[in-house]
Amino acid sequence: MSNIFSKNSQIGVVTTFSELVQTNFKGEMNALCWYRNLDGDFNEIVSKLQIKENITEVYPEDLIALQLSERGNIAREIIINDLQLLADFGASPSLNLLKCYERDDEFDFISTDVYSFHVDRSPIATDTFLCTYHGTASDIVSNLQAEQKILIPEIRAKLKELHDGPSEEFEDFLKENYFDLHYQVHDDVEPVNLKLGHLWRLAVDHPKQQVLPCIHRAPIENEGEYRLLLIC
């Protein structure tokens, strides 16, 4: 398949949901994309949903209750079908209407919010699925293009100053506070934007994982524009 992701060794491209969930990660490839050109008016759905907080979960019954045009209805059917496919697979998908995520500005040298490049971790074998239907989309970078922040000498020194405990417990301190999940992208690296409408599967750090976890981040939202994001 010829598309903007085809020549990226980090990304595998598939054409069906079954391929998305059955294809194994290998080598540098730790992101899979079900590449789609979606029809439908997702903006109409966003405009008719009510945001209650910075992040509002949207349920299928909320979508079904909307009075939509023909193109809005097409978009609704796509979203509901995606939710059902993931649920049937055994995942627990969530559809979120997003104004913004909470920021972590406690320290000026490291951040642990989702706007920072990071990997996901799980104690069980799982993957992260996501699809942005409207608004800004997430970014990824390859593992060769970034360095774990806790390995950067200046940051590590400051984290050691924060750690109030024996030196042999320092690594546990880093994990308990999620510092080890965050990455600094190398200079001049251009992240890959995941674009709208594609359903992605990203590798997660877990005991049975055969590849490095996928480094990704949430985008800064456009002023006055909500994101509509499926994630699990």
C-alpha atoms as a PDB file:
ATOM      1  CA  MET A   1       0.000   0.000   0.000  1.00  0.00           C
ATOM      2  CA  SER A   2       1.341   3.416  -0.954  1.00  0.00           C
ATOM      3  CA  ASN A   3       0.750   6.140   1.632  1.00  0.00           C
ATOM      4  CA  ILE A   4       2.622   8.638   3.784  1.00  0.00           C
ATOM      5  CA  PHE A   5       3.631   5.936   6.309  1.00  0.00           C
ATOM      6  CA  SER A   6       4.706   3.163   3.909  1.00  0.00           C
ATOM      7  CA  LYS A   7       8.424   3.983   3.874  1.00  0.00           C
ATOM      8  CA  ASN A   8       8.764   4.409   7.641  1.00  0.00           C
ATOM      9  CA  SER A   9      10.475   1.352   9.170  1.00  0.00           C
ATOM     10  CA  GLN A  10       8.842   2.066  12.532  1.00  0.00           C
ATOM     11  CA  ILE A  11       5.322   1.764  11.103  1.00  0.00           C
ATOM     12  CA  GLY A  12       3.512  -1.236   9.690  1.00  0.00           C
ATOM     13  CA  VAL A  13       0.499  -0.457   7.494  1.00  0.00           C
ATOM     14  CA  VAL A  14      -2.539  -2.763   7.268  1.00  0.00           C
ATOM     15  CA  THR A  15      -5.891  -2.630   5.499  1.00  0.00           C
ATOM     16  CA  THR A  16      -8.245  -4.387   7.941  1.00  0.00           C
ATOM     17  CA  PHE A  17      -8.949  -4.522  11.658  1.00  0.00           C
ATOM     18  CA  SER A  18      -8.074  -8.225  11.800  1.00  0.00           C
ATOM     19  CA  GLU A  19      -4.637  -7.449  10.340  1.00  0.00           C
ATOM     20  CA  LEU A  20      -4.230  -4.645  12.861  1.00  0.00           C
ATOM     21  CA  VAL A  21      -4.709  -6.935  15.849  1.00  0.00           C
ATOM     22  CA  GLN A  22      -3.049 -10.072  14.430  1.00  0.00           C
ATOM     23  CA  THR A  23       0.165  -8.611  12.974  1.00  0.00           C
ATOM     24  CA  ASN A  24       3.171  -9.033  15.248  1.00  0.00           C
ATOM     25  CA  PHE A  25       5.506  -6.181  16.057  1.00  0.00           C
ATOM     26  CA  LYS A  26       9.099  -6.928  15.037  1.00  0.00           C
ATOM     27  CA  GLY A  27      12.475  -5.223  14.771  1.00  0.00           C
ATOM     28  CA  GLU A  28      12.074  -1.446  14.654  1.00  0.00           C
ATOM     29  CA  MET A  29       8.350  -1.740  13.922  1.00  0.00           C
ATOM     30  CA  ASN A  30       6.419  -0.887  17.085  1.00  0.00           C
ATOM     31  CA  ALA A  31       3.475   0.997  15.552  1.00  0.00           C
ATOM     32  CA  LEU A  32       0.749  -0.425  13.307  1.00  0.00           C
ATOM     33  CA  CYS A  33      -1.632   1.711  11.275  1.00  0.00           C
ATOM     34  CA  TRP A  34      -4.984   0.652   9.856  1.00  0.00           C
ATOM     35  CA  TYR A  35      -4.798   3.241   7.099  1.00  0.00           C
ATOM     36  CA  ARG A  36      -8.204   4.706   6.249  1.00  0.00           C
ATOM     37  CA  ASN A  37      -9.693   7.624   4.352  1.00  0.00           C
ATOM     38  CA  LEU A  38     -12.876   8.127   6.333  1.00  0.00           C
ATOM     39  CA  ASP A  39     -16.014   9.675   4.940  1.00  0.00           C
ATOM     40  CA  GLY A  40     -18.482  11.457   7.180  1.00  0.00           C
ATOM     41  CA  ASP A  41     -18.721  14.726   9.080  1.00  0.00           C
ATOM     42  CA  PHE A  42     -16.970  14.290  12.414  1.00  0.00           C
ATOM     43  CA  ASN A  43     -17.014  18.034  13.032  1.00  0.00           C
ATOM     44  CA  GLU A  44     -20.813  17.897  13.151  1.00  0.00           C
ATOM     45  CA  ILE A  45     -20.651  15.285  15.901  1.00  0.00           C
ATOM     46  CA  VAL A  46     -18.183  17.350  17.917  1.00  0.00           C
ATOM     47  CA  SER A  47     -20.319  20.478  17.525  1.00  0.00           C
ATOM     48  CA  LYS A  48     -23.381  18.693  18.917  1.00  0.00           C
ATOM     49  CA  LEU A  49     -21.735  16.977  21.869  1.00  0.00           C
ATOM     50  CA  GLN A  50     -21.664  18.710  25.243  1.00  0.00           C
ATOM     51  CA  ILE A  51     -18.276  18.977  26.927  1.00  0.00           C
ATOM     52  CA  LYS A  52     -18.672  18.850  30.716  1.00  0.00           C
ATOM     53  CA  GLU A  53     -15.012  18.854  31.784  1.00  0.00           C
ATOM     54  CA  ASN A  54     -11.637  19.130  30.112  1.00  0.00           C
ATOM     55  CA  ILE A  55     -12.097  15.446  29.230  1.00  0.00           C
ATOM     56  CA  THR A  56     -15.642  14.178  28.703  1.00  0.00           C
ATOM     57  CA  GLU A  57     -16.247  10.513  27.962  1.00  0.00           C
ATOM     58  CA  VAL A  58     -18.777   9.975  25.184  1.00  0.00           C
ATOM     59  CA  TYR A  59     -20.848   6.785  25.212  1.00  0.00           C
ATOM     60  CA  PRO A  60     -22.583   5.069  22.265  1.00  0.00           C
ATOM     61  CA  GLU A  61     -25.953   6.146  23.607  1.00  0.00           C
ATOM     62  CA  ASP A  62     -24.767   9.776  23.521  1.00  0.00           C
ATOM     63  CA  LEU A  63     -23.893   9.368  19.846  1.00  0.00           C
ATOM     64  CA  ILE A  64     -27.165   7.606  19.046  1.00  0.00           C
ATOM     65  CA  ALA A  65     -29.144  10.452  20.631  1.00  0.00           C
ATOM     66  CA  LEU A  66     -27.691  13.070  18.260  1.00  0.00           C
ATOM     67  CA  GLN A  67     -29.774  14.407  15.372  1.00  0.00           C
ATOM     68  CA  LEU A  68     -27.350  14.321  12.467  1.00  0.00           C
ATOM     69  CA  SER A  69     -27.172  14.940   8.745  1.00  0.00           C
ATOM     70  CA  GLU A  70     -26.434  12.080   6.360  1.00  0.00           C
ATOM     71  CA  ARG A  71     -22.679  12.707   6.546  1.00  0.00           C
ATOM     72  CA  GLY A  72     -22.852  13.107  10.306  1.00  0.00           C
ATOM     73  CA  ASN A  73     -24.613   9.767  10.509  1.00  0.00           C
ATOM     74  CA  ILE A  74     -21.854   8.131   8.440  1.00  0.00           C
ATOM     75  CA  ALA A  75     -19.283   9.449  10.915  1.00  0.00           C
ATOM     76  CA  ARG A  76     -21.343   8.179  13.848  1.00  0.00           C
ATOM     77  CA  GLU A  77     -21.591   4.689  12.348  1.00  0.00           C
ATOM     78  CA  ILE A  78     -17.808   4.592  11.842  1.00  0.00           C
ATOM     79  CA  ILE A  79     -17.135   5.493  15.473  1.00  0.00           C
ATOM     80  CA  ILE A  80     -19.676   3.020  16.860  1.00  0.00           C
ATOM     81  CA  ASN A  81     -18.264   0.281  14.638  1.00  0.00           C
ATOM     82  CA  ASP A  82     -14.704   1.020  15.829  1.00  0.00           C
ATOM     83  CA  LEU A  83     -15.836   0.841  19.445  1.00  0.00           C
ATOM     84  CA  GLN A  84     -17.568  -2.478  18.791  1.00  0.00           C
ATOM     85  CA  LEU A  85     -14.591  -3.988  16.958  1.00  0.00           C
ATOM     86  CA  LEU A  86     -12.288  -3.167  19.868  1.00  0.00           C
ATOM     87  CA  ALA A  87     -14.778  -4.367  22.484  1.00  0.00           C
ATOM     88  CA  ASP A  88     -15.259  -7.659  20.618  1.00  0.00           C
ATOM     89  CA  PHE A  89     -11.471  -8.030  20.521  1.00  0.00           C
ATOM     90  CA  GLY A  90     -11.438  -7.780  24.309  1.00  0.00           C
ATOM     91  CA  ALA A  91     -10.221  -4.200  24.693  1.00  0.00           C
ATOM     92  CA  SER A  92     -11.968  -1.485  26.708  1.00  0.00           C
ATOM     93  CA  PRO A  93     -12.192   1.478  24.311  1.00  0.00           C
ATOM     94  CA  SER A  94     -13.098   4.963  25.477  1.00  0.00           C
ATOM     95  CA  LEU A  95     -14.305   7.811  23.259  1.00  0.00           C
ATOM     96  CA  ASN A  96     -13.213  11.160  24.674  1.00  0.00           C
ATOM     97  CA  LEU A  97     -14.171  14.720  23.803  1.00  0.00           C
ATOM     98  CA  LEU A  98     -11.076  16.657  24.804  1.00  0.00           C
ATOM     99  CA  LYS A  99     -10.498  20.293  25.561  1.00  0.00           C
ATOM    100  CA  CYS A 100      -7.098  19.577  27.115  1.00  0.00           C
ATOM    101  CA  TYR A 101      -5.229  17.232  29.435  1.00  0.00           C
ATOM    102  CA  GLU A 102      -3.906  18.190  32.850  1.00  0.00           C
ATOM    103  CA  ARG A 103      -0.404  19.649  32.704  1.00  0.00           C
ATOM    104  CA  ASP A 104       2.452  18.624  34.973  1.00  0.00           C
ATOM    105  CA  ASP A 105       4.473  21.747  35.735  1.00  0.00           C
ATOM    106  CA  GLU A 106       5.778  20.757  39.164  1.00  0.00           C
ATOM    107  CA  PHE A 107       9.391  20.722  37.952  1.00  0.00           C
ATOM    108  CA  ASP A 108      11.066  22.839  35.301  1.00  0.00           C
ATOM    109  CA  PHE A 109      13.428  20.072  34.132  1.00  0.00           C
ATOM    110  CA  ILE A 110      11.058  17.115  33.605  1.00  0.00           C
ATOM    111  CA  SER A 111       7.359  16.631  32.972  1.00  0.00           C
ATOM    112  CA  THR A 112       5.270  13.491  33.300  1.00  0.00           C
ATOM    113  CA  ASP A 113       2.114  14.591  31.480  1.00  0.00           C
ATOM    114  CA  VAL A 114       0.975  13.134  28.145  1.00  0.00           C
ATOM    115  CA  TYR A 115       2.244  16.162  26.188  1.00  0.00           C
ATOM    116  CA  SER A 116       5.752  14.886  26.940  1.00  0.00           C
ATOM    117  CA  PHE A 117       7.097  12.137  24.705  1.00  0.00           C
ATOM    118  CA  HIS A 118       6.560   8.938  26.665  1.00  0.00           C
ATOM    119  CA  VAL A 119       5.853   5.213  26.483  1.00  0.00           C
ATOM    120  CA  ASP A 120       2.987   3.310  28.071  1.00  0.00           C
ATOM    121  CA  ARG A 121       3.631   0.516  30.583  1.00  0.00           C
ATOM    122  CA  SER A 122       1.428  -2.370  31.632  1.00  0.00           C
ATOM    123  CA  PRO A 123       1.939  -5.365  33.954  1.00  0.00           C
ATOM    124  CA  ILE A 124       0.060  -7.537  31.418  1.00  0.00           C
ATOM    125  CA  ALA A 125       0.423  -8.124  27.672  1.00  0.00           C
ATOM    126  CA  THR A 126      -1.551  -5.366  25.981  1.00  0.00           C
ATOM    127  CA  ASP A 127      -1.249  -2.612  23.372  1.00  0.00           C
ATOM    128  CA  THR A 128      -2.431   0.983  23.091  1.00  0.00           C
ATOM    129  CA  PHE A 129      -5.073   1.648  20.430  1.00  0.00           C
ATOM    130  CA  LEU A 130      -5.997   5.156  19.362  1.00  0.00           C
ATOM    131  CA  CYS A 131      -7.750   7.069  16.605  1.00  0.00           C
ATOM    132  CA  THR A 132      -8.268  10.820  16.352  1.00  0.00           C
ATOM    133  CA  TYR A 133     -11.455  11.629  14.448  1.00  0.00           C
ATOM    134  CA  HIS A 134     -11.352  15.395  14.883  1.00  0.00           C
ATOM    135  CA  GLY A 135      -8.840  17.991  16.074  1.00  0.00           C
ATOM    136  CA  THR A 136      -5.102  17.610  16.402  1.00  0.00           C
ATOM    137  CA  ALA A 137      -3.542  14.131  16.227  1.00  0.00           C
ATOM    138  CA  SER A 138      -0.795  12.500  18.290  1.00  0.00           C
ATOM    139  CA  ASP A 139       2.887  12.220  17.325  1.00  0.00           C
ATOM    140  CA  ILE A 140       5.365   9.342  17.499  1.00  0.00           C
ATOM    141  CA  VAL A 141       9.152   9.075  17.119  1.00  0.00           C
ATOM    142  CA  SER A 142      11.379   6.057  16.692  1.00  0.00           C
ATOM    143  CA  ASN A 143      13.388   4.786  19.643  1.00  0.00           C
ATOM    144  CA  LEU A 144      16.595   5.751  17.840  1.00  0.00           C
ATOM    145  CA  GLN A 145      15.452   9.383  17.769  1.00  0.00           C
ATOM    146  CA  ALA A 146      15.045   9.886  21.514  1.00  0.00           C
ATOM    147  CA  GLU A 147      16.773   9.272  24.835  1.00  0.00           C
ATOM    148  CA  GLN A 148      15.248   8.302  28.136  1.00  0.00           C
ATOM    149  CA  LYS A 149      15.261  11.480  30.214  1.00  0.00           C
ATOM    150  CA  ILE A 150      16.502   9.704  33.335  1.00  0.00           C
ATOM    151  CA  LEU A 151      19.733   8.889  31.445  1.00  0.00           C
ATOM    152  CA  ILE A 152      20.504  12.525  30.635  1.00  0.00           C
ATOM    153  CA  PRO A 153      23.184  13.489  33.224  1.00  0.00           C
ATOM    154  CA  GLU A 154      21.765  16.913  34.166  1.00  0.00           C
ATOM    155  CA  ILE A 155      18.235  15.550  34.624  1.00  0.00           C
ATOM    156  CA  ARG A 156      19.446  12.483  36.497  1.00  0.00           C
ATOM    157  CA  ALA A 157      21.436  14.655  38.904  1.00  0.00           C
ATOM    158  CA  LYS A 158      18.355  16.754  39.689  1.00  0.00           C
ATOM    159  CA  LEU A 159      16.240  13.632  40.193  1.00  0.00           C
ATOM    160  CA  LYS A 160      18.822  12.312  42.651  1.00  0.00           C
ATOM    161  CA  GLU A 161      18.455  15.568  44.583  1.00  0.00           C
ATOM    162  CA  LEU A 162      14.691  14.972  44.730  1.00  0.00           C
ATOM    163  CA  HIS A 163      15.059  11.401  45.937  1.00  0.00           C
ATOM    164  CA  ASP A 164      14.746  11.243  49.722  1.00  0.00           C
ATOM    165  CA  GLY A 165      15.897   7.710  50.395  1.00  0.00           C
ATOM    166  CA  PRO A 166      18.721   5.156  50.093  1.00  0.00           C
ATOM    167  CA  SER A 167      20.630   5.116  46.790  1.00  0.00           C
ATOM    168  CA  GLU A 168      19.653   1.482  46.174  1.00  0.00           C
ATOM    169  CA  GLU A 169      16.001   2.605  46.021  1.00  0.00           C
ATOM    170  CA  PHE A 170      16.617   5.318  43.415  1.00  0.00           C
ATOM    171  CA  GLU A 171      15.571   3.210  40.410  1.00  0.00           C
ATOM    172  CA  ASP A 172      12.323   2.279  42.184  1.00  0.00           C
ATOM    173  CA  PHE A 173      11.738   5.976  42.894  1.00  0.00           C
ATOM    174  CA  LEU A 174      12.071   6.719  39.171  1.00  0.00           C
ATOM    175  CA  LYS A 175       9.519   4.046  38.253  1.00  0.00           C
ATOM    176  CA  GLU A 176       7.068   4.900  41.021  1.00  0.00           C
ATOM    177  CA  ASN A 177       6.931   8.501  39.808  1.00  0.00           C
ATOM    178  CA  TYR A 178       6.854   7.563  36.087  1.00  0.00           C
ATOM    179  CA  PHE A 179      10.038   9.526  35.359  1.00  0.00           C
ATOM    180  CA  ASP A 180      11.502   6.534  33.495  1.00  0.00           C
ATOM    181  CA  LEU A 181       8.666   6.573  30.935  1.00  0.00           C
ATOM    182  CA  HIS A 182       9.568   9.966  29.471  1.00  0.00           C
ATOM    183  CA  TYR A 183      11.942  10.779  26.629  1.00  0.00           C
ATOM    184  CA  GLN A 184      13.891  13.686  25.183  1.00  0.00           C
ATOM    185  CA  VAL A 185      13.769  13.796  21.392  1.00  0.00           C
ATOM    186  CA  HIS A 186      17.083  14.454  19.652  1.00  0.00           C
ATOM    187  CA  ASP A 187      17.653  17.811  17.989  1.00  0.00           C
ATOM    188  CA  ASP A 188      16.356  18.206  14.424  1.00  0.00           C
ATOM    189  CA  VAL A 189      14.032  15.203  14.685  1.00  0.00           C
ATOM    190  CA  GLU A 190      10.671  15.678  12.974  1.00  0.00           C
ATOM    191  CA  PRO A 191       8.026  13.592  14.778  1.00  0.00           C
ATOM    192  CA  VAL A 192       5.564  11.563  12.710  1.00  0.00           C
ATOM    193  CA  ASN A 193       2.028  12.860  13.049  1.00  0.00           C
ATOM    194  CA  LEU A 194      -0.572  10.093  13.164  1.00  0.00           C
ATOM    195  CA  LYS A 195      -3.140  12.145  11.222  1.00  0.00           C
ATOM    196  CA  LEU A 196      -6.930  11.845  11.362  1.00  0.00           C
ATOM    197  CA  GLY A 197      -9.041   8.750  10.861  1.00  0.00           C
ATOM    198  CA  HIS A 198      -6.407   6.017  11.028  1.00  0.00           C
ATOM    199  CA  LEU A 199      -6.721   3.439  13.807  1.00  0.00           C
ATOM    200  CA  TRP A 200      -3.329   2.851  15.440  1.00  0.00           C
ATOM    201  CA  ARG A 201      -1.888   0.113  17.618  1.00  0.00           C
ATOM    202  CA  LEU A 202       1.216   1.101  19.574  1.00  0.00           C
ATOM    203  CA  ALA A 203       3.574  -1.236  21.419  1.00  0.00           C
ATOM    204  CA  VAL A 204       3.469  -1.016  25.220  1.00  0.00           C
ATOM    205  CA  ASP A 205       6.207  -1.819  27.736  1.00  0.00           C
ATOM    206  CA  HIS A 206       5.201  -5.117  29.365  1.00  0.00           C
ATOM    207  CA  PRO A 207       7.025  -8.329  30.384  1.00  0.00           C
ATOM    208  CA  LYS A 208       6.186 -10.263  27.184  1.00  0.00           C
ATOM    209  CA  GLN A 209       6.831  -7.451  24.710  1.00  0.00           C
ATOM    210  CA  GLN A 210       9.268  -8.423  21.945  1.00  0.00           C
ATOM    211  CA  VAL A 211      10.022  -4.874  20.739  1.00  0.00           C
ATOM    212  CA  LEU A 212      10.770  -1.513  22.303  1.00  0.00           C
ATOM    213  CA  PRO A 213       7.641   0.400  23.364  1.00  0.00           C
ATOM    214  CA  CYS A 214       6.395   3.130  21.033  1.00  0.00           C
ATOM    215  CA  ILE A 215       7.367   6.679  22.061  1.00  0.00           C
ATOM    216  CA  HIS A 216       4.454   9.049  21.545  1.00  0.00           C
ATOM    217  CA  ARG A 217       2.845  12.237  22.829  1.00  0.00           C
ATOM    218  CA  ALA A 218      -0.485  14.014  22.859  1.00  0.00           C
ATOM    219  CA  PRO A 219      -0.578  17.143  20.683  1.00  0.00           C
ATOM    220  CA  ILE A 220      -1.143  20.680  21.868  1.00  0.00           C
ATOM    221  CA  GLU A 221      -4.763  21.377  21.019  1.00  0.00           C
ATOM    222  CA  ASN A 222      -5.759  24.125  18.621  1.00  0.00           C
ATOM    223  CA  GLU A 223      -7.329  27.135  20.303  1.00  0.00           C
ATOM    224  CA  GLY A 224     -11.107  26.749  20.468  1.00  0.00           C
ATOM    225  CA  GLU A 225     -11.080  23.271  18.880  1.00  0.00           C
ATOM    226  CA  TYR A 226     -11.962  20.027  20.643  1.00  0.00           C
ATOM    227  CA  ARG A 227     -10.387  16.672  19.904  1.00  0.00           C
ATOM    228  CA  LEU A 228     -12.505  13.562  19.429  1.00  0.00           C
ATOM    229  CA  LEU A 229     -10.287  10.630  20.385  1.00  0.00           C
ATOM    230  CA  LEU A 230     -10.833   6.899  20.681  1.00  0.00           C
ATOM    231  CA  ILE A 231      -8.280   5.319  23.005  1.00  0.00           C
ATOM    232  CA  CYS A 232      -7.730   2.117  24.955  1.00  0.00           C
END
